[in-house]
């Protein structure tokens, strides 16, 4: 399949590489040209602009950090909104706001283009290992067209419905739950350490009894070891996502006091200069609040 891929960050690069390895014809654009040049060594074509990446593509995938970045590559100077052919599909795999997802759906519909929202659960190591989980929403025939691409990048695809924004709601709900677990783990480990229980002991017992699963296994180990770098998902991006959760919740008149508290904790981390550490580093703030050594 002819694919334009826009955004070669820590997630986008391995995802695009897996598409190339699966035999798809990939034209890649990244704001930092060296990333596209690196992917070209694996067989991708390099595009000078987002519009160039979309020329002749059946599907254009965006994997970018936030709403602003997505809006820029779609609607900005050299954006692909007009370059994407009628009937071609834009697959947004970024974690973006529900509002922007709806705006993209409307804009593509107006141009006779198709739109699928397909954010993913998983960190860069999962992307490299083709172990992501895709949450897709859009017209059934559009999702079916994209399934070979999802299969090249992920181990499982869930369908959230025909309204593309539904996938963004699910993704934000999931990130809220992950942030909640990280927040609770941070306080639990701070509590244990303050009572002279070794972090490794707490990890072994809780991991072997109450809490089993990938969220605990990944994040509790980082918290117990106080290992927050390199970041798989930056704390400042977690702050962005909690902002998106609260914005969508406000629009729907859904009180989310836990999300508000998590947003404030992540905001504190960013304010203290920790925005580029892993978002599990929110536990560092819980340790500091307890008067513990956070390093």
Protein backbone atom coordinates (compact mmCIF):
# COMPACT_ATOMS: atom_id res chain seq x y z
CA UNK A 1 0.00 0.00 0.00
CA UNK A 2 1.21 3.57 -0.73
CA UNK A 3 1.53 5.30 2.62
CA UNK A 4 2.53 8.79 3.67
CA UNK A 5 3.89 8.87 7.22
CA UNK A 6 4.19 12.18 9.07
CA UNK A 7 6.01 12.28 12.41
CA UNK A 8 9.09 10.19 13.17
CA UNK A 9 9.50 10.66 16.90
CA UNK A 10 10.12 7.96 19.47
CA UNK A 11 6.86 6.24 18.51
CA UNK A 12 6.54 7.20 14.85
CA UNK A 13 9.97 5.99 13.79
CA UNK A 14 9.54 2.33 14.80
CA UNK A 15 5.96 2.33 13.52
CA UNK A 16 7.02 3.64 10.11
CA UNK A 17 9.96 1.23 10.02
CA UNK A 18 7.63 -1.70 10.62
CA UNK A 19 5.46 -0.56 7.71
CA UNK A 20 8.52 -0.50 5.45
CA UNK A 21 9.57 -3.94 6.64
CA UNK A 22 6.08 -5.26 5.90
CA UNK A 23 6.53 -4.22 2.27
CA UNK A 24 4.50 -1.01 2.16
CA UNK A 25 5.65 1.90 0.01
CA UNK A 26 6.28 4.62 2.62
CA UNK A 27 6.98 8.30 1.96
CA UNK A 28 8.06 9.85 5.26
CA UNK A 29 8.13 13.43 6.47
CA UNK A 30 9.59 14.71 9.72
CA UNK A 31 10.27 18.27 10.80
CA UNK A 32 13.85 17.21 11.61
CA UNK A 33 14.98 15.95 8.19
CA UNK A 34 17.66 13.63 9.60
CA UNK A 35 14.97 11.30 10.96
CA UNK A 36 13.47 10.84 7.50
CA UNK A 37 16.94 10.30 6.06
CA UNK A 38 17.53 7.61 8.70
CA UNK A 39 14.32 5.82 7.71
CA UNK A 40 15.33 6.06 4.06
CA UNK A 41 18.17 3.64 4.84
CA UNK A 42 15.46 1.03 5.51
CA UNK A 43 13.82 1.68 2.17
CA UNK A 44 11.40 4.56 2.78
CA UNK A 45 11.16 7.57 0.49
CA UNK A 46 11.88 10.98 1.98
CA UNK A 47 9.30 13.76 1.60
CA UNK A 48 10.26 17.41 1.94
CA UNK A 49 6.82 18.51 3.18
CA UNK A 50 3.68 16.91 4.61
CA UNK A 51 1.97 17.66 1.29
CA UNK A 52 4.69 15.79 -0.57
CA UNK A 53 4.24 12.79 1.73
CA UNK A 54 0.54 12.72 0.80
CA UNK A 55 0.99 12.91 -2.97
CA UNK A 56 -0.18 9.63 -4.50
CA UNK A 57 -0.79 8.07 -1.07
CA UNK A 58 -3.76 5.83 -0.37
CA UNK A 59 -3.32 6.46 3.35
CA UNK A 60 -1.52 9.19 5.27
CA UNK A 61 -0.65 8.44 8.89
CA UNK A 62 0.10 11.18 11.42
CA UNK A 63 1.93 10.34 14.65
CA UNK A 64 2.68 13.62 16.39
CA UNK A 65 2.96 15.07 19.88
CA UNK A 66 -0.11 17.28 20.20
CA UNK A 67 -3.01 19.11 18.59
CA UNK A 68 -0.87 21.99 17.37
CA UNK A 69 1.53 19.69 15.52
CA UNK A 70 -1.31 17.80 13.85
CA UNK A 71 -3.12 20.98 12.81
CA UNK A 72 0.11 22.35 11.36
CA UNK A 73 0.85 19.35 9.12
CA UNK A 74 -2.75 19.11 7.94
CA UNK A 75 -3.85 22.72 7.59
CA UNK A 76 -0.64 24.77 7.81
CA UNK A 77 1.78 25.90 5.13
CA UNK A 78 2.72 22.84 3.06
CA UNK A 79 0.04 20.87 4.92
CA UNK A 80 -1.55 17.87 3.19
CA UNK A 81 -5.21 18.85 3.40
CA UNK A 82 -5.40 19.67 -0.30
CA UNK A 83 -2.68 17.24 -1.43
CA UNK A 84 -4.51 14.17 -0.11
CA UNK A 85 -6.47 12.60 -2.97
CA UNK A 86 -10.23 12.31 -2.94
CA UNK A 87 -11.10 8.95 -1.38
CA UNK A 88 -7.72 8.64 0.36
CA UNK A 89 -7.62 8.15 4.13
CA UNK A 90 -6.02 10.21 6.86
CA UNK A 91 -5.28 7.96 9.85
CA UNK A 92 -4.56 10.01 12.96
CA UNK A 93 -2.64 7.83 15.42
CA UNK A 94 -1.65 10.69 17.73
CA UNK A 95 -3.18 11.36 21.13
CA UNK A 96 -5.21 14.45 20.30
CA UNK A 97 -8.27 16.22 21.64
CA UNK A 98 -11.77 15.00 20.94
CA UNK A 99 -12.53 18.43 19.51
CA UNK A 100 -9.69 18.30 16.98
CA UNK A 101 -10.65 14.78 15.94
CA UNK A 102 -14.16 15.99 15.13
CA UNK A 103 -12.76 18.96 13.24
CA UNK A 104 -10.52 16.68 11.16
CA UNK A 105 -13.44 14.39 10.36
CA UNK A 106 -15.50 17.34 9.13
CA UNK A 107 -12.62 18.86 7.13
CA UNK A 108 -11.81 15.61 5.33
CA UNK A 109 -15.46 14.89 4.64
CA UNK A 110 -15.80 18.30 3.00
CA UNK A 111 -12.88 17.47 0.66
CA UNK A 112 -14.18 14.02 -0.22
CA UNK A 113 -11.40 12.39 1.81
CA UNK A 114 -11.79 9.75 4.49
CA UNK A 115 -10.69 9.87 8.13
CA UNK A 116 -9.95 7.21 10.73
CA UNK A 117 -8.87 7.98 14.26
CA UNK A 118 -6.54 5.23 15.52
CA UNK A 119 -4.50 6.18 18.60
CA UNK A 120 -2.37 3.49 20.18
CA UNK A 121 -1.58 2.10 23.60
CA UNK A 122 2.06 1.20 24.10
CA UNK A 123 5.50 2.69 24.58
CA UNK A 124 8.41 2.91 22.13
CA UNK A 125 9.66 -0.57 23.00
CA UNK A 126 6.21 -1.97 22.17
CA UNK A 127 6.23 -0.04 18.90
CA UNK A 128 9.59 -1.56 17.97
CA UNK A 129 8.35 -5.06 18.81
CA UNK A 130 5.04 -4.64 16.92
CA UNK A 131 3.21 -5.00 20.23
CA UNK A 132 1.07 -1.86 20.15
CA UNK A 133 -2.70 -1.95 20.57
CA UNK A 134 -4.68 0.21 18.16
CA UNK A 135 -8.02 1.77 19.05
CA UNK A 136 -9.71 2.60 15.73
CA UNK A 137 -12.92 4.43 14.96
CA UNK A 138 -14.47 5.50 11.66
CA UNK A 139 -16.42 4.00 8.80
CA UNK A 140 -16.12 0.21 8.78
CA UNK A 141 -14.83 0.09 5.20
CA UNK A 142 -12.16 2.69 6.01
CA UNK A 143 -10.96 0.71 9.02
CA UNK A 144 -10.90 -2.48 6.93
CA UNK A 145 -8.72 -0.73 4.35
CA UNK A 146 -6.25 0.17 7.09
CA UNK A 147 -6.14 -3.21 8.82
CA UNK A 148 -3.03 -4.43 6.93
CA UNK A 149 -1.23 -1.30 8.14
CA UNK A 150 -2.38 -1.81 11.72
CA UNK A 151 -1.27 -5.45 11.54
CA UNK A 152 2.22 -4.33 10.53
CA UNK A 153 2.48 -2.02 13.55
CA UNK A 154 0.42 -3.64 16.31
CA UNK A 155 -0.59 -6.94 17.85
CA UNK A 156 -4.27 -6.08 18.22
CA UNK A 157 -6.86 -3.64 16.87
CA UNK A 158 -9.99 -2.63 18.76
CA UNK A 159 -12.88 -0.85 17.05
CA UNK A 160 -14.50 1.88 19.15
CA UNK A 161 -17.30 2.77 16.72
CA UNK A 162 -18.11 4.65 13.55
CA UNK A 163 -17.58 8.14 15.01
CA UNK A 164 -13.81 8.76 14.78
CA UNK A 165 -13.81 10.83 17.98
CA UNK A 166 -14.84 7.73 19.95
CA UNK A 167 -11.30 6.37 19.59
CA UNK A 168 -9.91 9.56 21.10
CA UNK A 169 -12.31 9.31 24.03
CA UNK A 170 -11.14 5.74 24.68
CA UNK A 171 -7.47 6.71 24.40
CA UNK A 172 -7.85 9.61 26.82
CA UNK A 173 -9.81 7.44 29.24
CA UNK A 174 -7.01 4.88 29.09
CA UNK A 175 -4.29 7.46 29.68
CA UNK A 176 -6.28 8.82 32.61
CA UNK A 177 -6.32 5.32 34.14
CA UNK A 178 -2.58 4.90 33.58
CA UNK A 179 -1.89 8.28 35.17
CA UNK A 180 -4.13 7.30 38.09
CA UNK A 181 -2.16 4.09 38.63
CA UNK A 182 1.14 5.98 38.45
CA UNK A 183 -0.12 8.51 40.99
CA UNK A 184 -1.33 5.81 43.37
CA UNK A 185 1.90 3.81 42.98
CA UNK A 186 3.97 6.89 43.72
CA UNK A 187 2.12 7.49 46.97
CA UNK A 188 2.20 3.80 47.92
CA UNK A 189 5.96 3.56 47.43
CA UNK A 190 6.54 6.84 49.30
CA UNK A 191 4.40 5.49 52.15
CA UNK A 192 6.31 2.20 52.25
CA UNK A 193 9.74 3.83 52.10
CA UNK A 194 8.81 6.31 54.85
CA UNK A 195 7.87 3.30 57.02
CA UNK A 196 11.26 1.66 56.28
CA UNK A 197 9.92 -0.97 53.89
CA UNK A 198 12.35 -1.40 51.00
CA UNK A 199 10.96 -0.50 47.61
CA UNK A 200 12.08 -3.85 46.16
CA UNK A 201 10.19 -5.68 48.92
CA UNK A 202 7.03 -3.71 48.24
CA UNK A 203 7.41 -4.36 44.52
CA UNK A 204 7.85 -8.11 45.01
CA UNK A 205 4.88 -8.54 47.35
CA UNK A 206 2.38 -6.28 45.60
CA UNK A 207 3.43 -7.54 42.18
CA UNK A 208 3.01 -11.14 43.29
CA UNK A 209 -0.36 -10.67 44.94
CA UNK A 210 -2.59 -7.66 44.35
CA UNK A 211 -1.34 -6.03 41.20
CA UNK A 212 -0.50 -8.05 38.14
CA UNK A 213 -0.46 -6.71 34.60
CA UNK A 214 1.60 -4.60 32.23
CA UNK A 215 0.84 -1.22 33.85
CA UNK A 216 2.05 -2.37 37.24
CA UNK A 217 4.93 -4.38 35.84
CA UNK A 218 6.23 -1.47 33.77
CA UNK A 219 5.65 1.50 36.03
CA UNK A 220 6.09 -0.02 39.49
CA UNK A 221 9.55 -1.26 38.50
CA UNK A 222 10.53 2.21 37.33
CA UNK A 223 9.19 3.77 40.53
CA UNK A 224 10.86 1.20 42.79
CA UNK A 225 14.19 1.78 41.03
CA UNK A 226 13.57 5.57 40.80
CA UNK A 227 14.50 5.24 37.14
CA UNK A 228 12.74 7.92 35.15
CA UNK A 229 15.11 8.33 32.23
CA UNK A 230 15.21 7.76 29.36
CA UNK A 231 11.57 8.67 28.99
CA UNK A 232 9.26 6.31 27.16
CA UNK A 233 6.50 8.88 27.48
CA UNK A 234 7.48 12.31 28.73
CA UNK A 235 5.90 13.83 31.80
CA UNK A 236 5.01 17.00 29.86
CA UNK A 237 3.04 14.88 27.39
CA UNK A 238 1.19 13.30 30.30
CA UNK A 239 0.30 16.82 31.43
CA UNK A 240 -0.97 17.55 27.93
CA UNK A 241 -3.14 14.43 27.98
CA UNK A 242 -4.66 15.20 31.39
CA UNK A 243 -5.51 18.64 30.00
CA UNK A 244 -7.25 16.97 27.06
CA UNK A 245 -9.15 14.65 29.42
CA UNK A 246 -10.37 17.56 31.52
CA UNK A 247 -11.30 19.65 28.48
CA UNK A 248 -13.41 16.84 27.04
CA UNK A 249 -14.89 16.11 30.47
CA UNK A 250 -15.82 19.76 30.87
CA UNK A 251 -17.55 19.80 27.50
CA UNK A 252 -19.57 16.74 28.56
CA UNK A 253 -20.24 18.05 32.11
CA UNK A 254 -18.36 15.14 33.73
CA UNK A 255 -16.65 16.00 37.04
CA UNK A 256 -13.22 14.31 37.28
CA UNK A 257 -11.59 15.40 40.55
CA UNK A 258 -8.91 12.69 40.37
CA UNK A 259 -7.92 13.85 36.90
CA UNK A 260 -7.69 17.41 38.22
CA UNK A 261 -5.36 16.31 41.01
CA UNK A 262 -3.22 14.33 38.55
CA UNK A 263 -3.01 17.32 36.22
CA UNK A 264 -1.81 19.50 39.10
CA UNK A 265 0.83 16.97 40.11
CA UNK A 266 2.14 16.71 36.56
CA UNK A 267 2.05 20.50 36.24
CA UNK A 268 4.18 20.72 39.38
CA UNK A 269 6.70 18.37 37.80
CA UNK A 270 6.89 20.48 34.65
CA UNK A 271 7.20 23.67 36.71
CA UNK A 272 10.12 22.12 38.60
CA UNK A 273 11.94 21.31 35.36
CA UNK A 274 11.06 17.60 35.13
CA UNK A 275 8.98 17.79 31.94
CA UNK A 276 11.31 15.57 29.90
CA UNK A 277 11.54 12.65 32.34
CA UNK A 278 9.18 9.70 32.04
CA UNK A 279 5.69 10.44 33.33
CA UNK A 280 6.17 7.74 35.94
CA UNK A 281 8.42 10.43 37.46
CA UNK A 282 5.23 11.86 38.99
CA UNK A 283 6.17 9.40 41.74
CA UNK A 284 9.26 11.51 42.36
CA UNK A 285 7.01 14.34 43.49
CA UNK A 286 5.21 12.03 45.94
CA UNK A 287 8.58 10.99 47.38
CA UNK A 288 9.72 14.61 47.68
CA UNK A 289 6.43 15.55 49.41
CA UNK A 290 7.15 12.82 51.96
CA UNK A 291 10.64 14.21 52.61
CA UNK A 292 12.35 11.29 50.89
CA UNK A 293 15.37 11.29 48.60
CA UNK A 294 13.87 11.28 45.11
CA UNK A 295 17.11 10.40 43.27
